[in-house]
Amino acid sequence: MAKGYQGNKERMEDISSFGKIIGKRAGFKCEWCEGKDDLRVWDYKPGTPPDMETLALLCQQCRSWADGRKVSPNELRSIRNALWSNVPAVAEGAASVLVQCKEPWAREAIEESFIDEDIKAEILR
């Protein structure tokens, strides 16, 4: 148990070390919706070592969507522009949330995005 706790603590410290750099990259606003409330670094790929490609700065609302909170399709329109980010955590993370709403506009936006074709195919399956 201690190893799990210690491993998680070290991971959180690693993620925290990216905070200022990611904040600057994001212009100190949510990388999905551009909100400015309760911003925190979000870990897109918790099973891999954290880096600039796997972390995004998200507001509380977008983090809750990323964590699976149900949301109306109209609310999700605010994150559509994130699909064109060159940061995988931002674009792929937003696509993973958008695809769950099952709306044609969301699927079309994902298909038109610059996300890697293999990843896009996996998200859209």
N, C-alpha and C. Protein backbone atom coordinates (compact mmCIF):
# COMPACT_ATOMS: atom_id res chain seq x y z
N MET A 1 0.82 -1.19 0.00
CA MET A 1 0.00 0.00 0.00
C MET A 1 0.87 1.26 0.00
N ALA A 2 1.92 1.24 0.79
CA ALA A 2 2.80 2.41 0.85
C ALA A 2 3.42 2.71 -0.51
N LYS A 3 3.77 1.64 -1.25
CA LYS A 3 4.36 1.84 -2.57
C LYS A 3 3.37 2.55 -3.50
N GLY A 4 2.11 2.17 -3.46
CA GLY A 4 1.09 2.82 -4.28
C GLY A 4 0.92 4.27 -3.89
N TYR A 5 0.87 4.53 -2.62
CA TYR A 5 0.74 5.91 -2.14
C TYR A 5 1.96 6.72 -2.55
N GLN A 6 3.13 6.16 -2.33
CA GLN A 6 4.38 6.86 -2.66
C GLN A 6 4.47 7.09 -4.16
N GLY A 7 4.10 6.09 -4.94
CA GLY A 7 4.12 6.23 -6.40
C GLY A 7 3.19 7.33 -6.87
N ASN A 8 1.99 7.39 -6.29
CA ASN A 8 1.04 8.44 -6.64
C ASN A 8 1.55 9.81 -6.22
N LYS A 9 2.15 9.89 -5.04
CA LYS A 9 2.69 11.15 -4.55
C LYS A 9 3.78 11.66 -5.49
N GLU A 10 4.66 10.77 -5.92
CA GLU A 10 5.74 11.15 -6.84
C GLU A 10 5.17 11.60 -8.19
N ARG A 11 4.14 10.91 -8.66
CA ARG A 11 3.51 11.29 -9.93
C ARG A 11 2.90 12.68 -9.82
N MET A 12 2.20 12.94 -8.73
CA MET A 12 1.58 14.26 -8.54
C MET A 12 2.65 15.36 -8.47
N GLU A 13 3.79 15.05 -7.86
CA GLU A 13 4.89 16.03 -7.82
C GLU A 13 5.44 16.27 -9.22
N ASP A 14 5.58 15.19 -10.01
CA ASP A 14 6.04 15.33 -11.39
C ASP A 14 5.09 16.21 -12.20
N ILE A 15 3.79 15.95 -12.06
CA ILE A 15 2.78 16.73 -12.78
C ILE A 15 2.84 18.19 -12.33
N SER A 16 2.95 18.39 -11.05
CA SER A 16 3.01 19.74 -10.49
C SER A 16 4.19 20.52 -11.05
N SER A 17 5.29 19.83 -11.32
CA SER A 17 6.49 20.52 -11.82
C SER A 17 6.25 21.13 -13.21
N PHE A 18 5.25 20.66 -13.92
CA PHE A 18 4.91 21.19 -15.25
C PHE A 18 3.94 22.37 -15.18
N GLY A 19 3.39 22.64 -14.00
CA GLY A 19 2.31 23.61 -13.87
C GLY A 19 2.55 24.97 -14.49
N LYS A 20 3.68 25.60 -14.15
CA LYS A 20 3.94 26.95 -14.66
C LYS A 20 4.14 26.95 -16.18
N ILE A 21 4.85 25.96 -16.68
CA ILE A 21 5.11 25.88 -18.13
C ILE A 21 3.80 25.68 -18.88
N ILE A 22 2.95 24.79 -18.38
CA ILE A 22 1.67 24.54 -19.04
C ILE A 22 0.76 25.75 -18.91
N GLY A 23 0.79 26.42 -17.78
CA GLY A 23 0.02 27.64 -17.61
C GLY A 23 0.40 28.69 -18.64
N LYS A 24 1.69 28.86 -18.86
CA LYS A 24 2.15 29.82 -19.87
C LYS A 24 1.72 29.39 -21.27
N ARG A 25 1.88 28.09 -21.56
CA ARG A 25 1.46 27.58 -22.88
C ARG A 25 -0.01 27.87 -23.13
N ALA A 26 -0.81 27.72 -22.09
CA ALA A 26 -2.26 27.87 -22.21
C ALA A 26 -2.72 29.33 -22.10
N GLY A 27 -1.81 30.24 -21.84
CA GLY A 27 -2.21 31.63 -21.64
C GLY A 27 -3.02 31.80 -20.37
N PHE A 28 -2.81 30.90 -19.42
CA PHE A 28 -3.50 30.91 -18.13
C PHE A 28 -5.02 30.89 -18.27
N LYS A 29 -5.48 30.06 -19.23
CA LYS A 29 -6.91 29.81 -19.39
C LYS A 29 -7.09 28.36 -19.82
N CYS A 30 -8.29 27.85 -19.65
CA CYS A 30 -8.59 26.46 -19.97
C CYS A 30 -8.26 26.19 -21.43
N GLU A 31 -7.54 25.11 -21.67
CA GLU A 31 -7.15 24.78 -23.03
C GLU A 31 -8.29 24.16 -23.85
N TRP A 32 -9.42 23.90 -23.21
CA TRP A 32 -10.58 23.41 -23.96
C TRP A 32 -11.58 24.53 -24.22
N CYS A 33 -12.00 25.24 -23.16
CA CYS A 33 -13.09 26.21 -23.31
C CYS A 33 -12.66 27.66 -23.12
N GLU A 34 -11.40 27.87 -22.74
CA GLU A 34 -10.83 29.19 -22.49
C GLU A 34 -11.36 29.86 -21.22
N GLY A 35 -12.03 29.08 -20.36
CA GLY A 35 -12.46 29.60 -19.07
C GLY A 35 -11.26 29.88 -18.18
N LYS A 36 -11.48 30.64 -17.11
CA LYS A 36 -10.37 31.01 -16.23
C LYS A 36 -10.59 30.61 -14.78
N ASP A 37 -11.66 29.88 -14.49
CA ASP A 37 -11.99 29.52 -13.11
C ASP A 37 -11.44 28.15 -12.73
N ASP A 38 -10.81 28.09 -11.57
CA ASP A 38 -10.34 26.83 -10.97
C ASP A 38 -9.51 26.00 -11.96
N LEU A 39 -8.48 26.60 -12.52
CA LEU A 39 -7.61 25.92 -13.48
C LEU A 39 -6.66 24.97 -12.77
N ARG A 40 -6.52 23.78 -13.34
CA ARG A 40 -5.58 22.78 -12.81
C ARG A 40 -5.05 21.96 -13.97
N VAL A 41 -3.88 21.40 -13.76
CA VAL A 41 -3.29 20.52 -14.77
C VAL A 41 -4.05 19.19 -14.74
N TRP A 42 -4.45 18.74 -15.92
CA TRP A 42 -5.18 17.48 -16.09
C TRP A 42 -4.28 16.50 -16.81
N ASP A 43 -4.28 15.26 -16.35
CA ASP A 43 -3.42 14.20 -16.86
C ASP A 43 -4.19 13.34 -17.85
N TYR A 44 -3.94 13.52 -19.13
CA TYR A 44 -4.64 12.80 -20.20
C TYR A 44 -4.29 11.31 -20.23
N LYS A 45 -3.04 10.99 -19.95
CA LYS A 45 -2.60 9.59 -20.00
C LYS A 45 -1.96 9.20 -18.68
N PRO A 46 -2.78 8.90 -17.67
CA PRO A 46 -2.22 8.61 -16.34
C PRO A 46 -1.33 7.36 -16.30
N GLY A 47 -1.38 6.52 -17.32
CA GLY A 47 -0.55 5.31 -17.33
C GLY A 47 0.83 5.52 -17.91
N THR A 48 1.14 6.75 -18.35
CA THR A 48 2.45 7.05 -18.93
C THR A 48 3.11 8.16 -18.12
N PRO A 49 4.44 8.29 -18.24
CA PRO A 49 5.10 9.38 -17.53
C PRO A 49 4.57 10.73 -18.02
N PRO A 50 4.29 11.65 -17.11
CA PRO A 50 3.74 12.95 -17.51
C PRO A 50 4.75 13.77 -18.31
N ASP A 51 4.26 14.45 -19.34
CA ASP A 51 5.08 15.39 -20.10
C ASP A 51 4.18 16.43 -20.74
N MET A 52 4.75 17.34 -21.48
CA MET A 52 3.99 18.46 -22.06
C MET A 52 2.92 17.98 -23.04
N GLU A 53 3.07 16.82 -23.61
CA GLU A 53 2.12 16.29 -24.58
C GLU A 53 0.92 15.61 -23.92
N THR A 54 1.09 15.16 -22.67
CA THR A 54 0.04 14.39 -22.01
C THR A 54 -0.70 15.18 -20.92
N LEU A 55 -0.33 16.44 -20.75
CA LEU A 55 -0.95 17.27 -19.73
C LEU A 55 -1.63 18.47 -20.37
N ALA A 56 -2.76 18.88 -19.80
CA ALA A 56 -3.49 20.05 -20.29
C ALA A 56 -3.97 20.86 -19.09
N LEU A 57 -4.11 22.15 -19.29
CA LEU A 57 -4.66 23.02 -18.26
C LEU A 57 -6.16 23.14 -18.51
N LEU A 58 -6.96 22.63 -17.57
CA LEU A 58 -8.41 22.63 -17.72
C LEU A 58 -9.10 23.28 -16.52
N CYS A 59 -10.25 23.87 -16.79
CA CYS A 59 -11.08 24.42 -15.71
C CYS A 59 -11.84 23.27 -15.03
N GLN A 60 -12.51 23.57 -13.95
CA GLN A 60 -13.23 22.54 -13.19
C GLN A 60 -14.30 21.88 -14.05
N GLN A 61 -15.05 22.66 -14.79
CA GLN A 61 -16.12 22.10 -15.63
C GLN A 61 -15.57 21.13 -16.66
N CYS A 62 -14.51 21.51 -17.36
CA CYS A 62 -13.93 20.62 -18.37
C CYS A 62 -13.30 19.38 -17.75
N ARG A 63 -12.69 19.53 -16.57
CA ARG A 63 -12.15 18.35 -15.88
C ARG A 63 -13.26 17.39 -15.53
N SER A 64 -14.42 17.92 -15.12
CA SER A 64 -15.54 17.02 -14.77
C SER A 64 -16.02 16.29 -16.01
N TRP A 65 -16.04 16.95 -17.16
CA TRP A 65 -16.42 16.27 -18.41
C TRP A 65 -15.39 15.20 -18.76
N ALA A 66 -14.12 15.53 -18.59
CA ALA A 66 -13.05 14.57 -18.87
C ALA A 66 -13.15 13.36 -17.95
N ASP A 67 -13.66 13.57 -16.75
CA ASP A 67 -13.80 12.48 -15.78
C ASP A 67 -15.11 11.72 -15.95
N GLY A 68 -15.90 12.07 -16.98
CA GLY A 68 -17.08 11.29 -17.31
C GLY A 68 -18.42 11.86 -16.91
N ARG A 69 -18.47 13.09 -16.39
CA ARG A 69 -19.77 13.67 -16.04
C ARG A 69 -20.61 13.82 -17.30
N LYS A 70 -21.86 13.43 -17.19
CA LYS A 70 -22.80 13.56 -18.31
C LYS A 70 -23.01 15.04 -18.60
N VAL A 71 -23.16 15.34 -19.87
CA VAL A 71 -23.27 16.74 -20.28
C VAL A 71 -24.15 16.83 -21.52
N SER A 72 -24.83 17.94 -21.67
CA SER A 72 -25.67 18.11 -22.86
C SER A 72 -24.78 18.46 -24.05
N PRO A 73 -25.18 18.03 -25.24
CA PRO A 73 -24.39 18.32 -26.45
C PRO A 73 -24.14 19.82 -26.65
N ASN A 74 -25.10 20.65 -26.32
CA ASN A 74 -24.89 22.09 -26.51
C ASN A 74 -23.79 22.64 -25.62
N GLU A 75 -23.65 22.10 -24.41
CA GLU A 75 -22.57 22.53 -23.53
C GLU A 75 -21.20 22.22 -24.14
N LEU A 76 -21.13 21.10 -24.85
CA LEU A 76 -19.85 20.65 -25.40
C LEU A 76 -19.37 21.48 -26.58
N ARG A 77 -20.23 22.27 -27.17
CA ARG A 77 -19.81 23.11 -28.29
C ARG A 77 -18.66 24.03 -27.89
N SER A 78 -18.57 24.35 -26.61
CA SER A 78 -17.53 25.26 -26.13
C SER A 78 -16.13 24.66 -26.23
N ILE A 79 -16.02 23.35 -26.38
CA ILE A 79 -14.68 22.73 -26.45
C ILE A 79 -14.32 22.28 -27.86
N ARG A 80 -15.19 22.52 -28.83
CA ARG A 80 -14.94 22.07 -30.21
C ARG A 80 -13.62 22.61 -30.76
N ASN A 81 -13.29 23.86 -30.50
CA ASN A 81 -12.06 24.44 -31.04
C ASN A 81 -10.80 23.78 -30.51
N ALA A 82 -10.90 23.11 -29.38
CA ALA A 82 -9.73 22.43 -28.81
C ALA A 82 -9.24 21.31 -29.72
N LEU A 83 -10.09 20.82 -30.61
CA LEU A 83 -9.70 19.74 -31.51
C LEU A 83 -8.54 20.12 -32.43
N TRP A 84 -8.32 21.41 -32.62
CA TRP A 84 -7.27 21.85 -33.54
C TRP A 84 -5.98 22.23 -32.83
N SER A 85 -5.88 21.88 -31.57
CA SER A 85 -4.64 22.12 -30.83
C SER A 85 -3.57 21.15 -31.33
N ASN A 86 -2.32 21.57 -31.26
CA ASN A 86 -1.23 20.66 -31.62
C ASN A 86 -0.73 19.87 -30.40
N VAL A 87 -1.40 20.02 -29.27
CA VAL A 87 -1.06 19.29 -28.04
C VAL A 87 -2.01 18.09 -27.92
N PRO A 88 -1.48 16.86 -27.97
CA PRO A 88 -2.36 15.69 -27.91
C PRO A 88 -3.31 15.68 -26.72
N ALA A 89 -2.86 16.06 -25.54
CA ALA A 89 -3.75 16.05 -24.37
C ALA A 89 -4.95 16.96 -24.59
N VAL A 90 -4.74 18.05 -25.29
CA VAL A 90 -5.82 19.01 -25.53
C VAL A 90 -6.75 18.48 -26.62
N ALA A 91 -6.22 18.17 -27.79
CA ALA A 91 -7.05 17.76 -28.92
C ALA A 91 -7.68 16.38 -28.71
N GLU A 92 -6.88 15.40 -28.36
CA GLU A 92 -7.40 14.04 -28.21
C GLU A 92 -8.31 13.93 -26.99
N GLY A 93 -7.95 14.63 -25.93
CA GLY A 93 -8.80 14.63 -24.73
C GLY A 93 -10.17 15.21 -25.03
N ALA A 94 -10.20 16.35 -25.74
CA ALA A 94 -11.48 16.97 -26.11
C ALA A 94 -12.27 16.04 -27.03
N ALA A 95 -11.59 15.39 -27.97
CA ALA A 95 -12.27 14.47 -28.88
C ALA A 95 -12.90 13.31 -28.11
N SER A 96 -12.20 12.81 -27.12
CA SER A 96 -12.72 11.70 -26.31
C SER A 96 -14.00 12.08 -25.58
N VAL A 97 -14.10 13.34 -25.17
CA VAL A 97 -15.32 13.83 -24.51
C VAL A 97 -16.41 14.09 -25.56
N LEU A 98 -16.05 14.74 -26.65
CA LEU A 98 -17.04 15.09 -27.68
C LEU A 98 -17.70 13.87 -28.30
N VAL A 99 -16.94 12.81 -28.53
CA VAL A 99 -17.48 11.64 -29.21
C VAL A 99 -18.60 10.99 -28.38
N GLN A 100 -18.59 11.18 -27.08
CA GLN A 100 -19.60 10.57 -26.22
C GLN A 100 -20.98 11.19 -26.40
N CYS A 101 -21.05 12.41 -26.94
CA CYS A 101 -22.36 13.05 -27.08
C CYS A 101 -23.14 12.51 -28.29
N LYS A 102 -22.48 11.78 -29.18
CA LYS A 102 -23.14 11.10 -30.31
C LYS A 102 -23.84 12.05 -31.28
N GLU A 103 -23.49 13.32 -31.28
CA GLU A 103 -24.09 14.29 -32.19
C GLU A 103 -23.30 14.31 -33.50
N PRO A 104 -23.98 14.43 -34.64
CA PRO A 104 -23.28 14.47 -35.93
C PRO A 104 -22.23 15.58 -36.01
N TRP A 105 -22.52 16.77 -35.47
CA TRP A 105 -21.57 17.87 -35.54
C TRP A 105 -20.27 17.53 -34.80
N ALA A 106 -20.38 16.78 -33.70
CA ALA A 106 -19.20 16.42 -32.92
C ALA A 106 -18.34 15.44 -33.70
N ARG A 107 -18.96 14.45 -34.28
CA ARG A 107 -18.23 13.46 -35.08
C ARG A 107 -17.54 14.13 -36.28
N GLU A 108 -18.27 15.02 -36.96
CA GLU A 108 -17.70 15.72 -38.11
C GLU A 108 -16.50 16.57 -37.70
N ALA A 109 -16.62 17.25 -36.58
CA ALA A 109 -15.50 18.08 -36.09
C ALA A 109 -14.28 17.22 -35.80
N ILE A 110 -14.49 16.07 -35.19
CA ILE A 110 -13.37 15.16 -34.89
C ILE A 110 -12.75 14.67 -36.20
N GLU A 111 -13.58 14.28 -37.15
CA GLU A 111 -13.08 13.79 -38.44
C GLU A 111 -12.26 14.86 -39.16
N GLU A 112 -12.64 16.12 -39.04
CA GLU A 112 -11.94 17.22 -39.72
C GLU A 112 -10.69 17.70 -38.98
N SER A 113 -10.52 17.28 -37.73
CA SER A 113 -9.40 17.76 -36.92
C SER A 113 -8.06 17.23 -37.43
N PHE A 114 -7.00 17.76 -36.85
CA PHE A 114 -5.64 17.35 -37.23
C PHE A 114 -5.10 16.22 -36.35
N ILE A 115 -5.97 15.59 -35.59
CA ILE A 115 -5.56 14.47 -34.75
C ILE A 115 -5.05 13.35 -35.65
N ASP A 116 -4.00 12.67 -35.20
CA ASP A 116 -3.42 11.54 -35.92
C ASP A 116 -4.53 10.58 -36.34
N GLU A 117 -4.48 10.12 -37.59
CA GLU A 117 -5.55 9.29 -38.16
C GLU A 117 -5.80 8.00 -37.37
N ASP A 118 -4.76 7.35 -36.88
CA ASP A 118 -4.94 6.11 -36.11
C ASP A 118 -5.65 6.39 -34.79
N ILE A 119 -5.26 7.46 -34.14
CA ILE A 119 -5.89 7.84 -32.86
C ILE A 119 -7.32 8.25 -33.11
N LYS A 120 -7.54 9.01 -34.18
CA LYS A 120 -8.88 9.44 -34.55
C LYS A 120 -9.79 8.23 -34.77
N ALA A 121 -9.29 7.24 -35.50
CA ALA A 121 -10.07 6.02 -35.77
C ALA A 121 -10.43 5.31 -34.47
N GLU A 122 -9.49 5.27 -33.53
CA GLU A 122 -9.76 4.62 -32.24
C GLU A 122 -10.82 5.39 -31.45
N ILE A 123 -10.72 6.71 -31.46
CA ILE A 123 -11.70 7.54 -30.73
C ILE A 123 -13.09 7.40 -31.33
N LEU A 124 -13.17 7.32 -32.65
CA LEU A 124 -14.46 7.29 -33.34
C LEU A 124 -15.09 5.90 -33.45
N ARG A 125 -14.38 4.88 -33.07
CA ARG A 125 -14.95 3.51 -33.25
C ARG A 125 -16.16 3.27 -32.42
